[in-house]
Amino acid sequence: MEHGPSSSLTLQLQGMRLSTSNKYTIFLLFPDMSVEGYTYNSFTLQLEGLNVSQESTYPVFLFIFFSYLFIIVANVGLAVLIFVDKSLHQPMYLLFCNLSANDVLGNSIMLPRLLIDMLRPSSERLISYYECVAQAFTTHMFGTSSHTVLMIMAFDRYVAICNPLRYTVIMTNRMLIKLTVSAWGVAFVLVGILLGLTVRLNRCRTLIKSPYCANALLFNLSCESVVINNIYGLTFTVVLFTASIGSMVLTYTKITVVCLTSKNKSLNSKALKTCSTHLVVYLIMLLSGMAIITLHRFPQYSDQRKLASILYHIIPSSLNPIIYGLQSKEIQKFLSKLFKSNKVLASK
């Protein structure tokens, strides 16, 4: 029986102990060969999933399931309400629709898959490489767009309070389109580069140590150097958080100065109501993200970090429509009219 170069080398390597670097060197020379159980560039990956006790599986499943249903119904319902009611065709509400779209998209890619995996044995939690990349891209788009959308919403509040007489001139339909495109476009480019640097790498592992796919988990599957990935990832995070927090601090500092120097009580009341809503939404999103970053520093709390990463999707997305819905007089008026008309129809 004849052996080719790859199979001959496999026979020679049996019983030898090879370092990871040596294994990877052999893989580069003979990409079709498997060395000591390593699977290189496999297109099937395994998700570790959410580690919960057997008794907690169904309560956690139901919590995530009903949270997802609420996120879809509340965000889609509020977006439809804004488009149907002409009195809500204001820049603040139209820009909020971007946040609703981001919440629905980000959770729809991750949570249904997570729910299905919770009911599967750990050995069956498999995902294709391309699906994993798509999930990672959507997950990072969700996080990045949350910042960029809230930044353009902060600009809208700044113009409304600091330049009320020029508000309608500045915040035109064209400006709204520009702001929307810039918020999604910047996020798309930043995340596209982030994932582009990862998909270029060869893979020598298949286990994703998380309930869902993310960029760092994907490039950790590689045996190549990931220095560039780490540098860009760190730069990306610093730039995003600096721009996000910096714009909020600058915007609200100017708004505070205007409110303190103005004697217009109605203006101050409007500023307090609309800005507090926006600021609460931003702080919830920021603190949820910070919790995940902090838990990354403590490997012993890996299970808590996984749970926090899921709550990062659920909590802000659930609270956003509630906070904006309760704070908006226009939305409250529309809902009260709707309920009154339903009562009249029911009584007939």
C-alpha atoms as a PDB file:
ATOM      1  CA  MET A   1       0.000   0.000   0.000  1.00  0.00           C
ATOM      2  CA  GLU A   2       1.424   3.364  -1.028  1.00  0.00           C
ATOM      3  CA  HIS A   3       1.210   6.505   1.043  1.00  0.00           C
ATOM      4  CA  GLY A   4       1.287  10.116  -0.167  1.00  0.00           C
ATOM      5  CA  PRO A   5       3.488  12.747   1.499  1.00  0.00           C
ATOM      6  CA  SER A   6       0.729  13.812   3.888  1.00  0.00           C
ATOM      7  CA  SER A   7      -0.128  10.281   5.091  1.00  0.00           C
ATOM      8  CA  SER A   8       3.584   9.331   5.350  1.00  0.00           C
ATOM      9  CA  LEU A   9       4.189  12.357   7.536  1.00  0.00           C
ATOM     10  CA  THR A  10       1.148  11.440   9.629  1.00  0.00           C
ATOM     11  CA  LEU A  11       2.637   7.976  10.247  1.00  0.00           C
ATOM     12  CA  GLN A  12       5.996   9.448  11.195  1.00  0.00           C
ATOM     13  CA  LEU A  13       4.355  11.856  13.649  1.00  0.00           C
ATOM     14  CA  GLN A  14       2.445   9.218  15.547  1.00  0.00           C
ATOM     15  CA  GLY A  15       3.559   9.066  19.161  1.00  0.00           C
ATOM     16  CA  MET A  16       5.437  12.402  18.906  1.00  0.00           C
ATOM     17  CA  ARG A  17       4.541  15.344  21.108  1.00  0.00           C
ATOM     18  CA  LEU A  18       4.215  18.519  19.079  1.00  0.00           C
ATOM     19  CA  SER A  19       3.835  22.083  20.267  1.00  0.00           C
ATOM     20  CA  THR A  20       0.922  24.174  18.985  1.00  0.00           C
ATOM     21  CA  SER A  21       3.281  26.159  16.749  1.00  0.00           C
ATOM     22  CA  ASN A  22       4.715  22.958  15.230  1.00  0.00           C
ATOM     23  CA  LYS A  23       1.219  21.620  14.635  1.00  0.00           C
ATOM     24  CA  TYR A  24       0.282  24.834  12.892  1.00  0.00           C
ATOM     25  CA  THR A  25       3.442  24.713  10.740  1.00  0.00           C
ATOM     26  CA  ILE A  26       2.511  21.197   9.643  1.00  0.00           C
ATOM     27  CA  PHE A  27      -1.028  22.431   8.892  1.00  0.00           C
ATOM     28  CA  LEU A  28       0.333  25.157   6.603  1.00  0.00           C
ATOM     29  CA  LEU A  29       2.319  22.555   4.655  1.00  0.00           C
ATOM     30  CA  PHE A  30      -0.435  19.912   4.656  1.00  0.00           C
ATOM     31  CA  PRO A  31      -3.808  21.666   5.183  1.00  0.00           C
ATOM     32  CA  ASP A  32      -5.829  18.460   4.694  1.00  0.00           C
ATOM     33  CA  MET A  33      -4.138  16.653   7.572  1.00  0.00           C
ATOM     34  CA  SER A  34      -5.437  16.443  11.155  1.00  0.00           C
ATOM     35  CA  VAL A  35      -2.797  16.428  13.902  1.00  0.00           C
ATOM     36  CA  GLU A  36      -3.589  14.984  17.327  1.00  0.00           C
ATOM     37  CA  GLY A  37      -7.313  15.768  17.150  1.00  0.00           C
ATOM     38  CA  TYR A  38      -6.886  19.361  15.944  1.00  0.00           C
ATOM     39  CA  THR A  39      -9.384  20.304  13.245  1.00  0.00           C
ATOM     40  CA  TYR A  40      -8.157  23.132  11.075  1.00  0.00           C
ATOM     41  CA  ASN A  41     -10.515  25.575   9.340  1.00  0.00           C
ATOM     42  CA  SER A  42     -13.567  23.542  10.288  1.00  0.00           C
ATOM     43  CA  PHE A  43     -16.828  25.018   9.022  1.00  0.00           C
ATOM     44  CA  THR A  44     -18.745  23.555  11.980  1.00  0.00           C
ATOM     45  CA  LEU A  45     -18.257  25.167  15.391  1.00  0.00           C
ATOM     46  CA  GLN A  46     -19.622  24.255  18.793  1.00  0.00           C
ATOM     47  CA  LEU A  47     -21.244  26.763  21.141  1.00  0.00           C
ATOM     48  CA  GLU A  48     -20.671  26.259  24.844  1.00  0.00           C
ATOM     49  CA  GLY A  49     -24.109  27.717  25.553  1.00  0.00           C
ATOM     50  CA  LEU A  50     -25.519  29.146  28.758  1.00  0.00           C
ATOM     51  CA  ASN A  51     -24.490  27.126  31.787  1.00  0.00           C
ATOM     52  CA  VAL A  52     -27.515  26.887  34.080  1.00  0.00           C
ATOM     53  CA  SER A  53     -28.623  24.117  36.429  1.00  0.00           C
ATOM     54  CA  GLN A  54     -31.259  21.657  35.247  1.00  0.00           C
ATOM     55  CA  GLU A  55     -33.790  23.139  37.692  1.00  0.00           C
ATOM     56  CA  SER A  56     -33.154  26.658  36.362  1.00  0.00           C
ATOM     57  CA  THR A  57     -33.279  25.797  32.651  1.00  0.00           C
ATOM     58  CA  TYR A  58     -37.012  26.290  32.138  1.00  0.00           C
ATOM     59  CA  PRO A  59     -37.393  29.422  34.335  1.00  0.00           C
ATOM     60  CA  VAL A  60     -34.458  31.047  32.491  1.00  0.00           C
ATOM     61  CA  PHE A  61     -35.868  29.863  29.151  1.00  0.00           C
ATOM     62  CA  LEU A  62     -39.283  31.393  29.917  1.00  0.00           C
ATOM     63  CA  PHE A  63     -37.723  34.649  31.125  1.00  0.00           C
ATOM     64  CA  ILE A  64     -35.692  35.046  27.916  1.00  0.00           C
ATOM     65  CA  PHE A  65     -38.636  33.948  25.735  1.00  0.00           C
ATOM     66  CA  PHE A  66     -41.131  36.436  27.208  1.00  0.00           C
ATOM     67  CA  SER A  67     -38.473  39.169  27.276  1.00  0.00           C
ATOM     68  CA  TYR A  68     -37.888  38.605  23.553  1.00  0.00           C
ATOM     69  CA  LEU A  69     -41.640  38.702  22.843  1.00  0.00           C
ATOM     70  CA  PHE A  70     -41.963  41.953  24.795  1.00  0.00           C
ATOM     71  CA  ILE A  71     -38.984  43.506  22.967  1.00  0.00           C
ATOM     72  CA  ILE A  72     -40.522  42.689  19.563  1.00  0.00           C
ATOM     73  CA  VAL A  73     -44.075  43.784  20.435  1.00  0.00           C
ATOM     74  CA  ALA A  74     -43.065  46.969  22.299  1.00  0.00           C
ATOM     75  CA  ASN A  75     -40.461  48.211  19.813  1.00  0.00           C
ATOM     76  CA  VAL A  76     -42.370  47.297  16.640  1.00  0.00           C
ATOM     77  CA  GLY A  77     -45.605  48.625  18.168  1.00  0.00           C
ATOM     78  CA  LEU A  78     -44.021  51.943  19.099  1.00  0.00           C
ATOM     79  CA  ALA A  79     -42.390  52.318  15.670  1.00  0.00           C
ATOM     80  CA  VAL A  80     -45.733  51.619  13.932  1.00  0.00           C
ATOM     81  CA  LEU A  81     -47.430  54.107  16.266  1.00  0.00           C
ATOM     82  CA  ILE A  82     -44.905  56.802  15.355  1.00  0.00           C
ATOM     83  CA  PHE A  83     -45.402  56.243  11.613  1.00  0.00           C
ATOM     84  CA  VAL A  84     -49.222  56.095  11.868  1.00  0.00           C
ATOM     85  CA  ASP A  85     -49.762  59.179  14.038  1.00  0.00           C
ATOM     86  CA  LYS A  86     -48.783  62.350  12.148  1.00  0.00           C
ATOM     87  CA  SER A  87     -48.392  64.304  15.388  1.00  0.00           C
ATOM     88  CA  LEU A  88     -45.434  62.025  16.191  1.00  0.00           C
ATOM     89  CA  HIS A  89     -43.650  62.828  12.920  1.00  0.00           C
ATOM     90  CA  GLN A  90     -41.050  64.806  14.842  1.00  0.00           C
ATOM     91  CA  PRO A  91     -37.264  64.345  14.558  1.00  0.00           C
ATOM     92  CA  MET A  92     -36.974  63.033  18.124  1.00  0.00           C
ATOM     93  CA  TYR A  93     -39.438  60.183  17.520  1.00  0.00           C
ATOM     94  CA  LEU A  94     -38.287  59.423  13.985  1.00  0.00           C
ATOM     95  CA  LEU A  95     -34.702  59.090  15.235  1.00  0.00           C
ATOM     96  CA  PHE A  96     -35.942  56.852  18.042  1.00  0.00           C
ATOM     97  CA  CYS A  97     -37.213  54.431  15.370  1.00  0.00           C
ATOM     98  CA  ASN A  98     -33.538  53.720  14.614  1.00  0.00           C
ATOM     99  CA  LEU A  99     -33.108  52.572  18.202  1.00  0.00           C
ATOM    100  CA  SER A 100     -36.202  50.342  17.948  1.00  0.00           C
ATOM    101  CA  ALA A 101     -34.931  48.818  14.683  1.00  0.00           C
ATOM    102  CA  ASN A 102     -31.535  48.178  16.272  1.00  0.00           C
ATOM    103  CA  ASP A 103     -33.111  46.527  19.339  1.00  0.00           C
ATOM    104  CA  VAL A 104     -35.324  44.244  17.219  1.00  0.00           C
ATOM    105  CA  LEU A 105     -32.501  43.270  14.838  1.00  0.00           C
ATOM    106  CA  GLY A 106     -29.883  42.696  17.554  1.00  0.00           C
ATOM    107  CA  ASN A 107     -32.131  40.487  19.660  1.00  0.00           C
ATOM    108  CA  SER A 108     -33.727  38.581  16.758  1.00  0.00           C
ATOM    109  CA  ILE A 109     -30.353  37.274  15.588  1.00  0.00           C
ATOM    110  CA  MET A 110     -29.222  36.111  19.027  1.00  0.00           C
ATOM    111  CA  LEU A 111     -32.114  35.226  21.363  1.00  0.00           C
ATOM    112  CA  PRO A 112     -34.076  32.684  19.225  1.00  0.00           C
ATOM    113  CA  ARG A 113     -30.855  30.738  18.603  1.00  0.00           C
ATOM    114  CA  LEU A 114     -30.014  30.889  22.324  1.00  0.00           C
ATOM    115  CA  LEU A 115     -33.477  29.588  23.272  1.00  0.00           C
ATOM    116  CA  ILE A 116     -33.155  26.637  20.882  1.00  0.00           C
ATOM    117  CA  ASP A 117     -29.668  25.781  22.204  1.00  0.00           C
ATOM    118  CA  MET A 118     -30.936  25.790  25.797  1.00  0.00           C
ATOM    119  CA  LEU A 119     -33.178  22.833  24.941  1.00  0.00           C
ATOM    120  CA  ARG A 120     -30.390  20.918  23.194  1.00  0.00           C
ATOM    121  CA  PRO A 121     -27.674  18.743  24.756  1.00  0.00           C
ATOM    122  CA  SER A 122     -24.302  20.522  24.796  1.00  0.00           C
ATOM    123  CA  SER A 123     -22.924  18.153  22.131  1.00  0.00           C
ATOM    124  CA  GLU A 124     -25.636  19.272  19.684  1.00  0.00           C
ATOM    125  CA  ARG A 125     -25.096  23.035  20.022  1.00  0.00           C
ATOM    126  CA  LEU A 126     -23.431  23.314  16.627  1.00  0.00           C
ATOM    127  CA  ILE A 127     -23.275  26.363  14.380  1.00  0.00           C
ATOM    128  CA  SER A 128     -21.764  26.881  10.940  1.00  0.00           C
ATOM    129  CA  TYR A 129     -18.771  29.195  10.681  1.00  0.00           C
ATOM    130  CA  TYR A 130     -20.579  31.620   8.351  1.00  0.00           C
ATOM    131  CA  GLU A 131     -23.626  31.767  10.630  1.00  0.00           C
ATOM    132  CA  CYS A 132     -21.297  32.441  13.543  1.00  0.00           C
ATOM    133  CA  VAL A 133     -19.611  35.307  11.659  1.00  0.00           C
ATOM    134  CA  ALA A 134     -23.037  36.750  10.761  1.00  0.00           C
ATOM    135  CA  GLN A 135     -24.135  36.516  14.393  1.00  0.00           C
ATOM    136  CA  ALA A 136     -20.913  38.184  15.587  1.00  0.00           C
ATOM    137  CA  PHE A 137     -21.344  40.970  13.010  1.00  0.00           C
ATOM    138  CA  THR A 138     -24.954  41.616  14.116  1.00  0.00           C
ATOM    139  CA  THR A 139     -24.017  41.502  17.788  1.00  0.00           C
ATOM    140  CA  HIS A 140     -21.292  44.112  17.351  1.00  0.00           C
ATOM    141  CA  MET A 141     -23.530  46.203  15.083  1.00  0.00           C
ATOM    142  CA  PHE A 142     -26.124  46.185  17.873  1.00  0.00           C
ATOM    143  CA  GLY A 143     -23.636  47.461  20.458  1.00  0.00           C
ATOM    144  CA  THR A 144     -22.004  50.031  18.176  1.00  0.00           C
ATOM    145  CA  SER A 145     -25.265  51.352  16.707  1.00  0.00           C
ATOM    146  CA  SER A 146     -26.688  51.780  20.223  1.00  0.00           C
ATOM    147  CA  HIS A 147     -23.957  54.373  20.797  1.00  0.00           C
ATOM    148  CA  THR A 148     -24.107  56.079  17.385  1.00  0.00           C
ATOM    149  CA  VAL A 149     -27.927  56.327  17.348  1.00  0.00           C
ATOM    150  CA  LEU A 150     -28.004  57.814  20.857  1.00  0.00           C
ATOM    151  CA  MET A 151     -25.314  60.285  19.749  1.00  0.00           C
ATOM    152  CA  ILE A 152     -27.461  61.612  16.882  1.00  0.00           C
ATOM    153  CA  MET A 153     -30.439  61.749  19.250  1.00  0.00           C
ATOM    154  CA  ALA A 154     -28.326  63.859  21.605  1.00  0.00           C
ATOM    155  CA  PHE A 155     -27.582  66.238  18.708  1.00  0.00           C
ATOM    156  CA  ASP A 156     -31.332  66.577  18.111  1.00  0.00           C
ATOM    157  CA  ARG A 157     -31.910  67.502  21.774  1.00  0.00           C
ATOM    158  CA  TYR A 158     -29.042  69.996  21.649  1.00  0.00           C
ATOM    159  CA  VAL A 159     -30.517  71.807  18.619  1.00  0.00           C
ATOM    160  CA  ALA A 160     -34.051  71.743  20.094  1.00  0.00           C
ATOM    161  CA  ILE A 161     -32.995  73.379  23.371  1.00  0.00           C
ATOM    162  CA  CYS A 162     -29.974  75.495  22.451  1.00  0.00           C
ATOM    163  CA  ASN A 163     -31.295  76.699  19.064  1.00  0.00           C
ATOM    164  CA  PRO A 164     -35.101  76.442  19.339  1.00  0.00           C
ATOM    165  CA  LEU A 165     -35.776  79.184  16.761  1.00  0.00           C
ATOM    166  CA  ARG A 166     -33.655  77.438  14.123  1.00  0.00           C
ATOM    167  CA  TYR A 167     -34.752  73.891  15.015  1.00  0.00           C
ATOM    168  CA  THR A 168     -37.108  73.408  12.060  1.00  0.00           C
ATOM    169  CA  VAL A 169     -34.527  74.912   9.697  1.00  0.00           C
ATOM    170  CA  ILE A 170     -31.717  72.620  10.897  1.00  0.00           C
ATOM    171  CA  MET A 171     -33.627  69.383  11.568  1.00  0.00           C
ATOM    172  CA  THR A 172     -35.085  68.931   8.094  1.00  0.00           C
ATOM    173  CA  ASN A 173     -35.939  65.585   6.489  1.00  0.00           C
ATOM    174  CA  ARG A 174     -32.634  65.759   4.654  1.00  0.00           C
ATOM    175  CA  MET A 175     -30.755  66.235   7.939  1.00  0.00           C
ATOM    176  CA  LEU A 176     -32.626  63.294   9.476  1.00  0.00           C
ATOM    177  CA  ILE A 177     -31.554  61.077   6.567  1.00  0.00           C
ATOM    178  CA  LYS A 178     -27.941  62.273   6.903  1.00  0.00           C
ATOM    179  CA  LEU A 179     -27.915  61.565  10.649  1.00  0.00           C
ATOM    180  CA  THR A 180     -29.486  58.131  10.201  1.00  0.00           C
ATOM    181  CA  VAL A 181     -27.098  57.116   7.411  1.00  0.00           C
ATOM    182  CA  SER A 182     -24.092  58.364   9.376  1.00  0.00           C
ATOM    183  CA  ALA A 183     -25.129  56.468  12.543  1.00  0.00           C
ATOM    184  CA  TRP A 184     -25.563  53.158  10.710  1.00  0.00           C
ATOM    185  CA  GLY A 185     -22.753  53.782   8.214  1.00  0.00           C
ATOM    186  CA  VAL A 186     -20.078  54.488  10.842  1.00  0.00           C
ATOM    187  CA  ALA A 187     -21.121  51.395  12.808  1.00  0.00           C
ATOM    188  CA  PHE A 188     -21.100  49.257   9.644  1.00  0.00           C
ATOM    189  CA  VAL A 189     -17.586  50.355   8.617  1.00  0.00           C
ATOM    190  CA  LEU A 190     -16.086  49.952  12.108  1.00  0.00           C
ATOM    191  CA  VAL A 191     -17.621  46.514  12.658  1.00  0.00           C
ATOM    192  CA  GLY A 192     -16.875  45.450   9.073  1.00  0.00           C
ATOM    193  CA  ILE A 193     -13.150  46.095   9.588  1.00  0.00           C
ATOM    194  CA  LEU A 194     -13.303  44.364  12.988  1.00  0.00           C
ATOM    195  CA  LEU A 195     -14.746  41.151  11.515  1.00  0.00           C
ATOM    196  CA  GLY A 196     -12.687  41.459   8.317  1.00  0.00           C
ATOM    197  CA  LEU A 197      -9.485  41.186  10.333  1.00  0.00           C
ATOM    198  CA  THR A 198     -10.859  38.044  11.981  1.00  0.00           C
ATOM    199  CA  VAL A 199     -12.126  36.090   8.952  1.00  0.00           C
ATOM    200  CA  ARG A 200      -8.659  36.327   7.332  1.00  0.00           C
ATOM    201  CA  LEU A 201      -7.257  34.059  10.079  1.00  0.00           C
ATOM    202  CA  ASN A 202      -6.967  30.281   9.831  1.00  0.00           C
ATOM    203  CA  ARG A 203      -8.661  28.339  12.620  1.00  0.00           C
ATOM    204  CA  CYS A 204      -7.343  25.415  14.667  1.00  0.00           C
ATOM    205  CA  ARG A 205     -10.087  25.228  17.317  1.00  0.00           C
ATOM    206  CA  THR A 206     -13.862  24.772  17.150  1.00  0.00           C
ATOM    207  CA  LEU A 207     -15.261  25.592  20.619  1.00  0.00           C
ATOM    208  CA  ILE A 208     -16.942  28.991  21.165  1.00  0.00           C
ATOM    209  CA  LYS A 209     -16.846  29.539  24.924  1.00  0.00           C
ATOM    210  CA  SER A 210     -20.028  31.609  25.030  1.00  0.00           C
ATOM    211  CA  PRO A 211     -23.785  31.333  24.429  1.00  0.00           C
ATOM    212  CA  TYR A 212     -23.340  33.268  21.165  1.00  0.00           C
ATOM    213  CA  CYS A 213     -20.631  34.304  18.714  1.00  0.00           C
ATOM    214  CA  ALA A 214     -18.555  37.462  19.071  1.00  0.00           C
ATOM    215  CA  ASN A 215     -15.394  38.794  17.414  1.00  0.00           C
ATOM    216  CA  ALA A 216     -12.924  38.016  20.214  1.00  0.00           C
ATOM    217  CA  LEU A 217     -14.293  34.485  20.525  1.00  0.00           C
ATOM    218  CA  LEU A 218     -13.849  33.957  16.779  1.00  0.00           C
ATOM    219  CA  PHE A 219     -10.243  35.123  16.550  1.00  0.00           C
ATOM    220  CA  ASN A 220      -9.397  33.077  19.654  1.00  0.00           C
ATOM    221  CA  LEU A 221     -10.096  29.997  17.521  1.00  0.00           C
ATOM    222  CA  SER A 222      -6.946  30.795  15.548  1.00  0.00           C
ATOM    223  CA  CYS A 223      -3.381  29.604  16.220  1.00  0.00           C
ATOM    224  CA  GLU A 224      -1.970  32.590  14.310  1.00  0.00           C
ATOM    225  CA  SER A 225      -0.887  35.895  15.826  1.00  0.00           C
ATOM    226  CA  VAL A 226      -3.885  38.060  16.745  1.00  0.00           C
ATOM    227  CA  VAL A 227      -1.901  41.167  17.743  1.00  0.00           C
ATOM    228  CA  ILE A 228      -3.496  43.250  14.959  1.00  0.00           C
ATOM    229  CA  ASN A 229      -6.967  42.108  16.035  1.00  0.00           C
ATOM    230  CA  ASN A 230      -6.296  43.066  19.654  1.00  0.00           C
ATOM    231  CA  ILE A 231      -4.859  46.466  18.707  1.00  0.00           C
ATOM    232  CA  TYR A 232      -7.766  47.317  16.404  1.00  0.00           C
ATOM    233  CA  GLY A 233     -10.332  45.973  18.898  1.00  0.00           C
ATOM    234  CA  LEU A 234      -8.879  48.098  21.698  1.00  0.00           C
ATOM    235  CA  THR A 235      -8.646  51.177  19.458  1.00  0.00           C
ATOM    236  CA  PHE A 236     -12.211  50.609  18.248  1.00  0.00           C
ATOM    237  CA  THR A 237     -13.522  50.397  21.837  1.00  0.00           C
ATOM    238  CA  VAL A 238     -11.579  53.459  23.047  1.00  0.00           C
ATOM    239  CA  VAL A 239     -12.627  55.604  20.059  1.00  0.00           C
ATOM    240  CA  LEU A 240     -16.287  54.555  20.320  1.00  0.00           C
ATOM    241  CA  PHE A 241     -16.554  55.131  24.071  1.00  0.00           C
ATOM    242  CA  THR A 242     -14.578  58.387  23.938  1.00  0.00           C
ATOM    243  CA  ALA A 243     -16.761  59.768  21.128  1.00  0.00           C
ATOM    244  CA  SER A 244     -19.958  58.526  22.792  1.00  0.00           C
ATOM    245  CA  ILE A 245     -19.260  59.726  26.333  1.00  0.00           C
ATOM    246  CA  GLY A 246     -17.553  62.907  25.075  1.00  0.00           C
ATOM    247  CA  SER A 247     -20.520  63.892  22.905  1.00  0.00           C
ATOM    248  CA  MET A 248     -22.939  63.280  25.794  1.00  0.00           C
ATOM    249  CA  VAL A 249     -20.884  65.305  28.264  1.00  0.00           C
ATOM    250  CA  LEU A 250     -20.452  68.179  25.781  1.00  0.00           C
ATOM    251  CA  THR A 251     -24.126  68.161  24.737  1.00  0.00           C
ATOM    252  CA  TYR A 252     -25.553  68.053  28.238  1.00  0.00           C
ATOM    253  CA  THR A 253     -23.057  70.608  29.544  1.00  0.00           C
ATOM    254  CA  LYS A 254     -24.261  73.109  26.914  1.00  0.00           C
ATOM    255  CA  ILE A 255     -27.903  72.238  27.575  1.00  0.00           C
ATOM    256  CA  THR A 256     -27.382  72.726  31.341  1.00  0.00           C
ATOM    257  CA  VAL A 257     -25.736  76.120  30.760  1.00  0.00           C
ATOM    258  CA  VAL A 258     -28.659  77.220  28.545  1.00  0.00           C
ATOM    259  CA  CYS A 259     -31.208  76.070  31.131  1.00  0.00           C
ATOM    260  CA  LEU A 260     -29.404  77.805  34.012  1.00  0.00           C
ATOM    261  CA  THR A 261     -29.103  81.104  32.126  1.00  0.00           C
ATOM    262  CA  SER A 262     -32.650  80.983  30.724  1.00  0.00           C
ATOM    263  CA  LYS A 263     -35.631  82.276  32.666  1.00  0.00           C
ATOM    264  CA  ASN A 264     -38.058  80.495  30.390  1.00  0.00           C
ATOM    265  CA  LYS A 265     -39.758  77.945  32.671  1.00  0.00           C
ATOM    266  CA  SER A 266     -41.509  76.104  29.838  1.00  0.00           C
ATOM    267  CA  LEU A 267     -38.194  75.654  28.009  1.00  0.00           C
ATOM    268  CA  ASN A 268     -36.518  74.349  31.158  1.00  0.00           C
ATOM    269  CA  SER A 269     -39.405  71.974  31.840  1.00  0.00           C
ATOM    270  CA  LYS A 270     -39.295  70.629  28.264  1.00  0.00           C
ATOM    271  CA  ALA A 271     -35.512  70.246  28.430  1.00  0.00           C
ATOM    272  CA  LEU A 272     -35.692  68.372  31.732  1.00  0.00           C
ATOM    273  CA  LYS A 273     -38.340  65.958  30.454  1.00  0.00           C
ATOM    274  CA  THR A 274     -36.923  65.108  27.025  1.00  0.00           C
ATOM    275  CA  CYS A 275     -33.270  65.109  28.070  1.00  0.00           C
ATOM    276  CA  SER A 276     -33.838  63.010  31.185  1.00  0.00           C
ATOM    277  CA  THR A 277     -35.506  60.366  29.003  1.00  0.00           C
ATOM    278  CA  HIS A 278     -32.587  60.277  26.582  1.00  0.00           C
ATOM    279  CA  LEU A 279     -30.006  60.333  29.378  1.00  0.00           C
ATOM    280  CA  VAL A 280     -31.641  57.464  31.296  1.00  0.00           C
ATOM    281  CA  VAL A 281     -31.695  55.318  28.129  1.00  0.00           C
ATOM    282  CA  TYR A 282     -28.033  56.130  27.484  1.00  0.00           C
ATOM    283  CA  LEU A 283     -26.921  55.374  31.060  1.00  0.00           C
ATOM    284  CA  ILE A 284     -28.745  52.014  31.071  1.00  0.00           C
ATOM    285  CA  MET A 285     -26.998  51.036  27.838  1.00  0.00           C
ATOM    286  CA  LEU A 286     -23.595  52.319  29.039  1.00  0.00           C
ATOM    287  CA  LEU A 287     -23.728  50.648  32.470  1.00  0.00           C
ATOM    288  CA  SER A 288     -24.858  47.339  30.931  1.00  0.00           C
ATOM    289  CA  GLY A 289     -21.861  47.432  28.596  1.00  0.00           C
ATOM    290  CA  MET A 290     -19.472  48.419  31.381  1.00  0.00           C
ATOM    291  CA  ALA A 291     -20.627  45.451  33.471  1.00  0.00           C
ATOM    292  CA  ILE A 292     -19.555  43.036  30.712  1.00  0.00           C
ATOM    293  CA  ILE A 293     -16.171  44.754  30.254  1.00  0.00           C
ATOM    294  CA  THR A 294     -15.558  44.640  34.033  1.00  0.00           C
ATOM    295  CA  LEU A 295     -16.478  40.931  34.297  1.00  0.00           C
ATOM    296  CA  HIS A 296     -14.013  40.149  31.470  1.00  0.00           C
ATOM    297  CA  ARG A 297     -11.252  40.992  33.972  1.00  0.00           C
ATOM    298  CA  PHE A 298     -12.356  38.215  36.304  1.00  0.00           C
ATOM    299  CA  PRO A 299     -12.199  34.778  34.581  1.00  0.00           C
ATOM    300  CA  GLN A 300     -13.680  33.094  37.668  1.00  0.00           C
ATOM    301  CA  TYR A 301     -16.959  34.901  36.938  1.00  0.00           C
ATOM    302  CA  SER A 302     -17.289  33.609  33.365  1.00  0.00           C
ATOM    303  CA  ASP A 303     -20.860  32.334  33.932  1.00  0.00           C
ATOM    304  CA  GLN A 304     -21.908  35.712  35.360  1.00  0.00           C
ATOM    305  CA  ARG A 305     -20.313  37.442  32.360  1.00  0.00           C
ATOM    306  CA  LYS A 306     -22.298  35.252  29.961  1.00  0.00           C
ATOM    307  CA  LEU A 307     -25.513  36.147  31.763  1.00  0.00           C
ATOM    308  CA  ALA A 308     -24.572  39.846  31.789  1.00  0.00           C
ATOM    309  CA  SER A 309     -23.899  39.764  28.039  1.00  0.00           C
ATOM    310  CA  ILE A 310     -27.419  38.414  27.440  1.00  0.00           C
ATOM    311  CA  LEU A 311     -28.980  40.966  29.804  1.00  0.00           C
ATOM    312  CA  TYR A 312     -27.073  43.665  27.865  1.00  0.00           C
ATOM    313  CA  HIS A 313     -29.334  42.814  24.925  1.00  0.00           C
ATOM    314  CA  ILE A 314     -32.531  42.321  26.931  1.00  0.00           C
ATOM    315  CA  ILE A 315     -32.627  45.124  29.537  1.00  0.00           C
ATOM    316  CA  PRO A 316     -31.968  48.251  27.395  1.00  0.00           C
ATOM    317  CA  SER A 317     -34.125  46.906  24.539  1.00  0.00           C
ATOM    318  CA  SER A 318     -37.033  46.284  26.951  1.00  0.00           C
ATOM    319  CA  LEU A 319     -36.753  49.598  28.775  1.00  0.00           C
ATOM    320  CA  ASN A 320     -36.260  51.890  25.759  1.00  0.00           C
ATOM    321  CA  PRO A 321     -39.878  51.770  24.510  1.00  0.00           C
ATOM    322  CA  ILE A 322     -41.246  51.937  28.075  1.00  0.00           C
ATOM    323  CA  ILE A 323     -39.208  55.021  28.997  1.00  0.00           C
ATOM    324  CA  TYR A 324     -39.987  56.894  25.780  1.00  0.00           C
ATOM    325  CA  GLY A 325     -43.616  55.768  25.798  1.00  0.00           C
ATOM    326  CA  LEU A 326     -44.278  56.884  29.384  1.00  0.00           C
ATOM    327  CA  GLN A 327     -42.448  60.188  29.026  1.00  0.00           C
ATOM    328  CA  SER A 328     -44.075  61.308  25.771  1.00  0.00           C
ATOM    329  CA  LYS A 329     -47.329  63.249  26.090  1.00  0.00           C
ATOM    330  CA  GLU A 330     -48.038  62.739  22.385  1.00  0.00           C
ATOM    331  CA  ILE A 331     -47.785  58.934  22.710  1.00  0.00           C
ATOM    332  CA  GLN A 332     -49.899  58.975  25.871  1.00  0.00           C
ATOM    333  CA  LYS A 333     -52.596  61.040  24.116  1.00  0.00           C
ATOM    334  CA  PHE A 334     -52.647  58.680  21.121  1.00  0.00           C
ATOM    335  CA  LEU A 335     -52.931  55.598  23.345  1.00  0.00           C
ATOM    336  CA  SER A 336     -55.688  57.180  25.459  1.00  0.00           C
ATOM    337  CA  LYS A 337     -57.649  58.025  22.264  1.00  0.00           C
ATOM    338  CA  LEU A 338     -57.144  54.471  21.037  1.00  0.00           C
ATOM    339  CA  PHE A 339     -58.408  52.930  24.272  1.00  0.00           C
ATOM    340  CA  LYS A 340     -61.405  55.299  24.401  1.00  0.00           C
ATOM    341  CA  SER A 341     -62.403  54.435  20.837  1.00  0.00           C
ATOM    342  CA  ASN A 342     -62.097  50.703  21.654  1.00  0.00           C
ATOM    343  CA  LYS A 343     -64.346  51.166  24.714  1.00  0.00           C
ATOM    344  CA  VAL A 344     -66.948  52.963  22.611  1.00  0.00           C
ATOM    345  CA  LEU A 345     -66.894  50.164  20.014  1.00  0.00           C
ATOM    346  CA  ALA A 346     -67.127  47.532  22.743  1.00  0.00           C
ATOM    347  CA  SER A 347     -70.134  49.260  24.358  1.00  0.00           C
ATOM    348  CA  LYS A 348     -72.099  49.388  21.057  1.00  0.00           C
END
